[in-house]
Amino acid sequence: MPRRPVSSLARGIHHALLCAALTACASNRPPDLRQAVDTAWGTVRAARRDDAVEIALVVERVAPRVAAAIPSRGTAALDIRLVPELARAHWGGATITTAEERWIELPEDGRDIAAQAILAHELVHFWLAGEWKALPPVLEEGLAIHVAHLAVPQAAPRERGELALVLGTLLDGSVTFDGPGVAHGPAGAKLTPDRARYTMHARIDAGELPPLGDIFNLEADELARSSAPGVRAVLDALAYVVMERIGVEKLHRLCVQAGVLGHARIPSEWIWTAARIDPNEPVSLQRAVLEMLGTPEIRALLLRDDLRIGAHGDDSP
């Protein structure tokens, strides 16, 4: 019998899935940074002017795409702070709201495509206001991921692959697909002309998950307390699939309708119905996993540098 490659995520989901929108402050005041660069969309602040200038240029490119994707967005000027480290090591970025102020924190060394997608993700959190207040916090994450993919499409394949992997693990315990071979060398992983069948799984403590039908009832403080391995990533994956099936315009209409009828949040049953998903019958979710795993997503997954690949049944660390 041929060897069957088996993979697992050694360090969990990529940090781009773990951006956070905070309603409770991580600190009482935004970081005091002396270098400030103005853009058409607001100000970027950093300890070093070169850092502020470089991210300001990224903002000028990414912000218009995000703004165009969000109906009835807020118009507050951006306040972006580039910091040596965020409050939690696994965060890629954070939008922080206090009673007096609102600002975005990003790593000062973020330059790659994933970092640009994190910026786009945080712009969504920063600009949601008014009618969007009816959006459940979990679904806000799905919206932020969706819009980030529109704004920075180069980042989409890897993240979509990771989301499919997480959701497939939740539903079936793993995800199996065919793809090119993988060779590892000093320069990292590279794809080969060989073909192989892979079974991949993410590390998820599914016992810590709320029932699927309840996830859109979770509030921001409950999300912030989600610390079991993979729980937040599963919620993001579910929200992303629902978001993709509803679409931004229809989701906005649901927010408006909820507000008119006096609901603080869009009722969960409206969301599942609009997404054409029965949370008690996950067949449609399983189909969504397969739809998310196209050739670009498979290639991006296999090129991760933190995968363990070995024979089926190999459970070595």
Protein backbone atom coordinates (compact mmCIF):
# COMPACT_ATOMS: atom_id res chain seq x y z
CA MET A 1 0.00 0.00 0.00
CA PRO A 2 1.44 3.44 -0.90
CA ARG A 3 2.34 5.86 1.84
CA ARG A 4 -0.35 8.44 2.44
CA PRO A 5 0.88 11.89 3.44
CA VAL A 6 -0.68 13.15 6.64
CA SER A 7 -0.27 16.70 7.84
CA SER A 8 -1.20 18.77 10.85
CA LEU A 9 -0.66 22.41 11.76
CA ALA A 10 2.26 22.53 14.14
CA ARG A 11 1.54 26.02 15.46
CA GLY A 12 -2.18 26.36 14.81
CA ILE A 13 -3.83 28.71 12.35
CA HIS A 14 -1.92 31.52 10.67
CA HIS A 15 -2.01 34.75 12.64
CA ALA A 16 -4.09 36.42 9.94
CA LEU A 17 -7.08 34.45 11.24
CA LEU A 18 -6.57 35.77 14.72
CA CYS A 19 -6.95 39.51 14.33
CA ALA A 20 -9.10 41.00 17.06
CA ALA A 21 -11.59 43.81 17.41
CA LEU A 22 -11.62 44.88 21.03
CA THR A 23 -14.51 46.64 22.72
CA ALA A 24 -12.71 46.60 26.06
CA CYS A 25 -9.50 48.54 26.02
CA ALA A 26 -6.14 46.76 26.00
CA SER A 27 -4.68 49.97 27.44
CA ASN A 28 -6.29 53.19 28.63
CA ARG A 29 -4.59 55.31 25.99
CA PRO A 30 -3.19 54.71 22.51
CA PRO A 31 0.60 54.24 22.39
CA ASP A 32 2.53 57.53 22.33
CA LEU A 33 4.48 57.51 19.05
CA ARG A 34 6.37 60.56 17.88
CA GLN A 35 6.47 60.05 14.10
CA ALA A 36 3.19 60.78 12.30
CA VAL A 37 2.41 60.63 8.58
CA ASP A 38 -0.92 61.88 7.26
CA THR A 39 -2.84 60.14 4.46
CA ALA A 40 -6.13 60.91 2.74
CA TRP A 41 -7.72 58.45 5.17
CA GLY A 42 -6.11 59.42 8.47
CA THR A 43 -2.78 59.23 10.27
CA VAL A 44 -0.16 56.52 10.68
CA ARG A 45 2.05 56.84 13.77
CA ALA A 46 5.27 54.98 14.53
CA ALA A 47 8.51 55.22 16.47
CA ARG A 48 10.47 55.48 13.19
CA ARG A 49 9.43 57.76 10.37
CA ASP A 50 10.41 55.26 7.67
CA ASP A 51 7.95 52.74 9.13
CA ALA A 52 5.14 55.31 9.21
CA VAL A 53 5.83 56.39 5.62
CA GLU A 54 5.89 52.83 4.30
CA ILE A 55 2.61 51.81 5.95
CA ALA A 56 1.02 55.12 4.94
CA LEU A 57 1.66 54.17 1.33
CA VAL A 58 -0.01 50.81 1.92
CA VAL A 59 -2.98 52.57 3.52
CA GLU A 60 -3.38 54.80 0.46
CA ARG A 61 -3.58 51.69 -1.70
CA VAL A 62 -5.72 49.42 0.51
CA ALA A 63 -8.13 51.82 2.23
CA PRO A 64 -10.05 52.84 -0.94
CA ARG A 65 -10.75 49.17 -1.73
CA VAL A 66 -12.06 48.51 1.77
CA ALA A 67 -14.14 51.69 1.78
CA ALA A 68 -15.75 50.79 -1.54
CA ALA A 69 -16.77 47.36 -0.23
CA ILE A 70 -18.69 48.54 2.87
CA PRO A 71 -22.08 50.23 2.38
CA SER A 72 -22.88 52.98 4.90
CA ARG A 73 -19.48 52.74 6.54
CA GLY A 74 -18.31 55.16 9.20
CA THR A 75 -16.26 58.16 8.12
CA ALA A 76 -13.95 58.59 11.10
CA ALA A 77 -10.34 59.38 10.20
CA LEU A 78 -8.01 56.44 10.71
CA ASP A 79 -5.63 56.42 13.65
CA ILE A 80 -3.09 53.62 13.02
CA ARG A 81 -0.32 52.93 15.54
CA LEU A 82 2.67 50.73 14.65
CA VAL A 83 3.89 48.97 17.79
CA PRO A 84 6.76 46.57 18.63
CA GLU A 85 4.29 43.96 19.90
CA LEU A 86 0.57 43.60 20.44
CA ALA A 87 -1.18 42.77 23.71
CA ARG A 88 -1.33 39.07 22.74
CA ALA A 89 1.39 37.31 20.80
CA HIS A 90 -1.00 35.53 18.41
CA TRP A 91 -2.78 38.68 17.27
CA GLY A 92 -2.01 39.99 13.81
CA GLY A 93 -3.61 43.35 14.57
CA ALA A 94 -6.21 44.96 16.82
CA THR A 95 -8.89 47.63 16.64
CA ILE A 96 -9.24 49.08 20.11
CA THR A 97 -12.21 51.09 21.36
CA THR A 98 -12.44 52.99 24.63
CA ALA A 99 -15.05 55.45 25.84
CA GLU A 100 -13.00 58.33 24.42
CA GLU A 101 -10.94 56.97 21.52
CA ARG A 102 -10.64 54.37 18.80
CA TRP A 103 -7.44 53.29 17.10
CA ILE A 104 -5.77 50.42 15.23
CA GLU A 105 -2.57 48.72 16.39
CA LEU A 106 -0.39 46.85 13.89
CA PRO A 107 3.10 45.32 14.20
CA GLU A 108 5.74 47.82 13.19
CA ASP A 109 7.55 45.20 11.08
CA GLY A 110 4.50 44.09 9.06
CA ARG A 111 5.32 44.41 5.36
CA ASP A 112 4.26 41.23 3.56
CA ILE A 113 0.99 40.39 1.81
CA ALA A 114 -0.46 38.79 4.94
CA ALA A 115 0.25 42.00 6.90
CA GLN A 116 -1.52 44.07 4.23
CA ALA A 117 -4.56 41.79 4.53
CA ILE A 118 -4.49 42.28 8.30
CA LEU A 119 -4.55 46.04 7.74
CA ALA A 120 -7.59 45.65 5.46
CA HIS A 121 -9.23 43.40 8.08
CA GLU A 122 -8.76 46.01 10.80
CA LEU A 123 -10.08 48.82 8.58
CA VAL A 124 -13.37 46.93 8.39
CA HIS A 125 -13.59 46.79 12.19
CA PHE A 126 -12.66 50.45 12.46
CA TRP A 127 -15.26 51.66 9.93
CA LEU A 128 -18.29 49.59 10.92
CA ALA A 129 -20.74 51.95 12.56
CA GLY A 130 -24.35 53.10 12.52
CA GLU A 131 -26.58 50.48 10.88
CA TRP A 132 -23.80 47.90 11.18
CA LYS A 133 -24.16 47.85 14.97
CA ALA A 134 -26.76 45.09 14.54
CA LEU A 135 -24.07 42.77 13.14
CA PRO A 136 -23.17 39.93 15.55
CA PRO A 137 -19.47 40.06 16.56
CA VAL A 138 -18.74 36.59 15.15
CA LEU A 139 -20.15 37.56 11.76
CA GLU A 140 -18.18 40.83 11.88
CA GLU A 141 -15.05 38.68 11.74
CA GLY A 142 -16.37 36.86 8.67
CA LEU A 143 -17.11 40.19 7.00
CA ALA A 144 -13.62 41.49 7.81
CA ILE A 145 -11.99 38.40 6.30
CA HIS A 146 -14.18 38.61 3.19
CA VAL A 147 -13.44 42.29 2.58
CA ALA A 148 -9.72 41.78 3.25
CA HIS A 149 -9.70 39.19 0.45
CA LEU A 150 -11.33 41.73 -1.88
CA ALA A 151 -8.79 44.38 -0.94
CA VAL A 152 -5.69 42.14 -0.95
CA PRO A 153 -6.57 39.19 -3.22
CA GLN A 154 -3.02 37.80 -3.09
CA ALA A 155 -3.62 36.87 0.55
CA ALA A 156 -6.86 34.99 -0.12
CA PRO A 157 -5.64 31.51 -1.24
CA ARG A 158 -3.64 30.73 1.88
CA GLU A 159 -6.27 32.02 4.25
CA ARG A 160 -9.14 30.32 2.41
CA GLY A 161 -7.19 27.08 2.54
CA GLU A 162 -6.67 27.45 6.28
CA LEU A 163 -10.33 28.25 6.84
CA ALA A 164 -11.35 25.18 4.84
CA LEU A 165 -8.90 23.07 6.84
CA VAL A 166 -10.32 24.29 10.15
CA LEU A 167 -13.93 23.83 9.12
CA GLY A 168 -13.26 20.42 7.57
CA THR A 169 -11.57 19.29 10.78
CA LEU A 170 -14.60 20.38 12.79
CA LEU A 171 -17.06 18.59 10.52
CA ASP A 172 -15.19 15.43 9.51
CA GLY A 173 -12.05 15.32 11.65
CA SER A 174 -9.79 16.07 8.68
CA VAL A 175 -9.71 17.24 5.06
CA THR A 176 -8.51 14.98 2.24
CA PHE A 177 -7.46 16.22 -1.19
CA ASP A 178 -5.10 15.45 -4.07
CA GLY A 179 -2.20 17.77 -4.80
CA PRO A 180 1.40 18.04 -5.96
CA GLY A 181 4.25 16.50 -4.03
CA VAL A 182 6.22 18.51 -1.49
CA ALA A 183 9.99 18.55 -1.06
CA HIS A 184 11.70 20.22 1.89
CA GLY A 185 15.15 21.73 1.64
CA PRO A 186 17.28 24.51 3.15
CA ALA A 187 15.16 27.11 1.35
CA GLY A 188 11.93 25.64 2.71
CA ALA A 189 9.12 23.72 1.05
CA LYS A 190 8.70 23.51 -2.71
CA LEU A 191 6.20 21.69 -4.90
CA THR A 192 7.19 18.82 -7.19
CA PRO A 193 5.54 17.28 -10.30
CA ASP A 194 4.57 14.17 -8.30
CA ARG A 195 0.95 13.72 -7.21
CA ALA A 196 -0.14 12.64 -3.76
CA ARG A 197 -3.24 12.39 -1.62
CA TYR A 198 -3.11 14.38 1.61
CA THR A 199 -5.13 14.13 4.76
CA MET A 200 -4.74 17.27 6.84
CA HIS A 201 -6.16 18.32 10.16
CA ALA A 202 -5.96 21.34 12.44
CA ARG A 203 -5.65 21.22 16.21
CA ILE A 204 -9.11 22.01 17.50
CA ASP A 205 -10.66 21.46 20.91
CA ALA A 206 -14.18 21.00 19.53
CA GLY A 207 -15.53 20.35 23.02
CA GLU A 208 -15.07 24.04 23.82
CA LEU A 209 -17.26 25.18 20.91
CA PRO A 210 -20.78 26.43 21.50
CA PRO A 211 -23.57 24.73 19.48
CA LEU A 212 -23.49 25.94 15.87
CA GLY A 213 -26.94 27.45 16.21
CA ASP A 214 -25.72 29.69 19.05
CA ILE A 215 -22.53 31.15 17.59
CA PHE A 216 -24.16 34.35 16.33
CA ASN A 217 -25.47 35.05 19.84
CA LEU A 218 -21.93 35.37 21.26
CA GLU A 219 -20.92 38.87 22.34
CA ALA A 220 -17.47 40.43 21.97
CA ASP A 221 -16.42 39.72 25.56
CA GLU A 222 -17.30 36.04 25.13
CA LEU A 223 -15.19 35.90 21.97
CA ALA A 224 -12.27 37.50 23.78
CA ARG A 225 -12.36 34.67 26.34
CA SER A 226 -12.12 31.96 23.65
CA SER A 227 -8.72 30.43 24.42
CA ALA A 228 -9.11 26.69 23.68
CA PRO A 229 -6.98 25.56 20.71
CA GLY A 230 -8.60 26.43 17.42
CA VAL A 231 -11.94 27.66 18.83
CA ARG A 232 -11.61 31.20 17.53
CA ALA A 233 -10.39 29.93 14.16
CA VAL A 234 -13.45 27.66 13.87
CA LEU A 235 -15.76 30.58 14.61
CA ASP A 236 -13.96 32.66 11.98
CA ALA A 237 -14.25 29.84 9.44
CA LEU A 238 -17.97 29.42 10.05
CA ALA A 239 -18.53 33.16 9.85
CA TYR A 240 -16.54 33.37 6.62
CA VAL A 241 -18.60 30.64 4.93
CA VAL A 242 -21.85 32.29 6.04
CA MET A 243 -20.59 35.68 4.88
CA GLU A 244 -19.61 34.34 1.45
CA ARG A 245 -23.10 32.87 0.99
CA ILE A 246 -24.96 36.00 2.11
CA GLY A 247 -22.85 38.75 0.51
CA VAL A 248 -22.10 42.23 1.81
CA GLU A 249 -25.12 44.04 0.37
CA LYS A 250 -27.65 41.53 1.68
CA LEU A 251 -25.93 41.42 5.07
CA HIS A 252 -26.21 45.19 5.27
CA ARG A 253 -29.93 44.97 4.49
CA LEU A 254 -30.35 42.47 7.32
CA CYS A 255 -28.67 44.94 9.69
CA VAL A 256 -31.03 47.70 8.58
CA GLN A 257 -34.06 45.44 8.92
CA ALA A 258 -32.99 44.34 12.41
CA GLY A 259 -32.65 47.96 13.50
CA VAL A 260 -36.06 48.92 12.10
CA LEU A 261 -37.71 46.05 13.96
CA GLY A 262 -35.95 46.91 17.24
CA HIS A 263 -33.43 44.06 17.38
CA ALA A 264 -30.06 44.86 18.95
CA ARG A 265 -28.52 42.11 16.76
CA ILE A 266 -29.63 40.33 13.61
CA PRO A 267 -31.52 37.26 14.87
CA SER A 268 -29.56 34.06 14.29
CA GLU A 269 -32.37 32.43 12.35
CA TRP A 270 -32.28 35.27 9.81
CA ILE A 271 -28.58 34.69 9.25
CA TRP A 272 -28.80 30.93 8.74
CA THR A 273 -31.79 31.33 6.43
CA ALA A 274 -30.05 33.98 4.33
CA ALA A 275 -26.98 31.74 4.06
CA ARG A 276 -29.15 28.74 3.09
CA ILE A 277 -27.58 26.65 5.85
CA ASP A 278 -29.26 24.53 8.50
CA PRO A 279 -26.86 24.45 11.49
CA ASN A 280 -28.37 21.11 12.50
CA GLU A 281 -27.65 19.58 9.07
CA PRO A 282 -24.00 20.37 8.20
CA VAL A 283 -24.10 18.93 4.64
CA SER A 284 -24.06 22.42 3.12
CA LEU A 285 -21.05 23.32 5.27
CA GLN A 286 -19.21 20.22 4.13
CA ARG A 287 -19.90 21.22 0.53
CA ALA A 288 -18.54 24.68 1.25
CA VAL A 289 -15.24 23.18 2.45
CA LEU A 290 -14.74 21.41 -0.88
CA GLU A 291 -15.67 24.56 -2.80
CA MET A 292 -13.03 26.56 -0.89
CA LEU A 293 -10.21 24.14 -1.73
CA GLY A 294 -9.23 25.02 -5.28
CA THR A 295 -5.77 24.66 -6.79
CA PRO A 296 -4.44 28.00 -5.39
CA GLU A 297 -5.61 27.11 -1.88
CA ILE A 298 -4.11 23.60 -1.99
CA ARG A 299 -0.77 24.91 -3.23
CA ALA A 300 -0.71 27.59 -0.53
CA LEU A 301 -1.44 25.03 2.19
CA LEU A 302 1.28 22.68 1.03
CA LEU A 303 3.87 25.46 0.97
CA ARG A 304 3.39 26.29 4.65
CA ASP A 305 6.66 25.92 6.53
CA ASP A 306 4.99 24.66 9.73
CA LEU A 307 3.40 21.47 8.44
CA ARG A 308 4.47 18.00 9.49
CA ILE A 309 4.16 15.57 6.62
CA GLY A 310 4.76 11.85 7.00
CA ALA A 311 3.26 8.43 6.52
CA HIS A 312 -0.33 7.78 7.53
CA GLY A 313 -0.46 7.07 11.22
CA ASP A 314 2.81 8.86 11.95
CA ASP A 315 2.08 10.77 15.16
CA SER A 316 5.60 11.95 15.87
CA PRO A 317 5.88 15.59 17.07
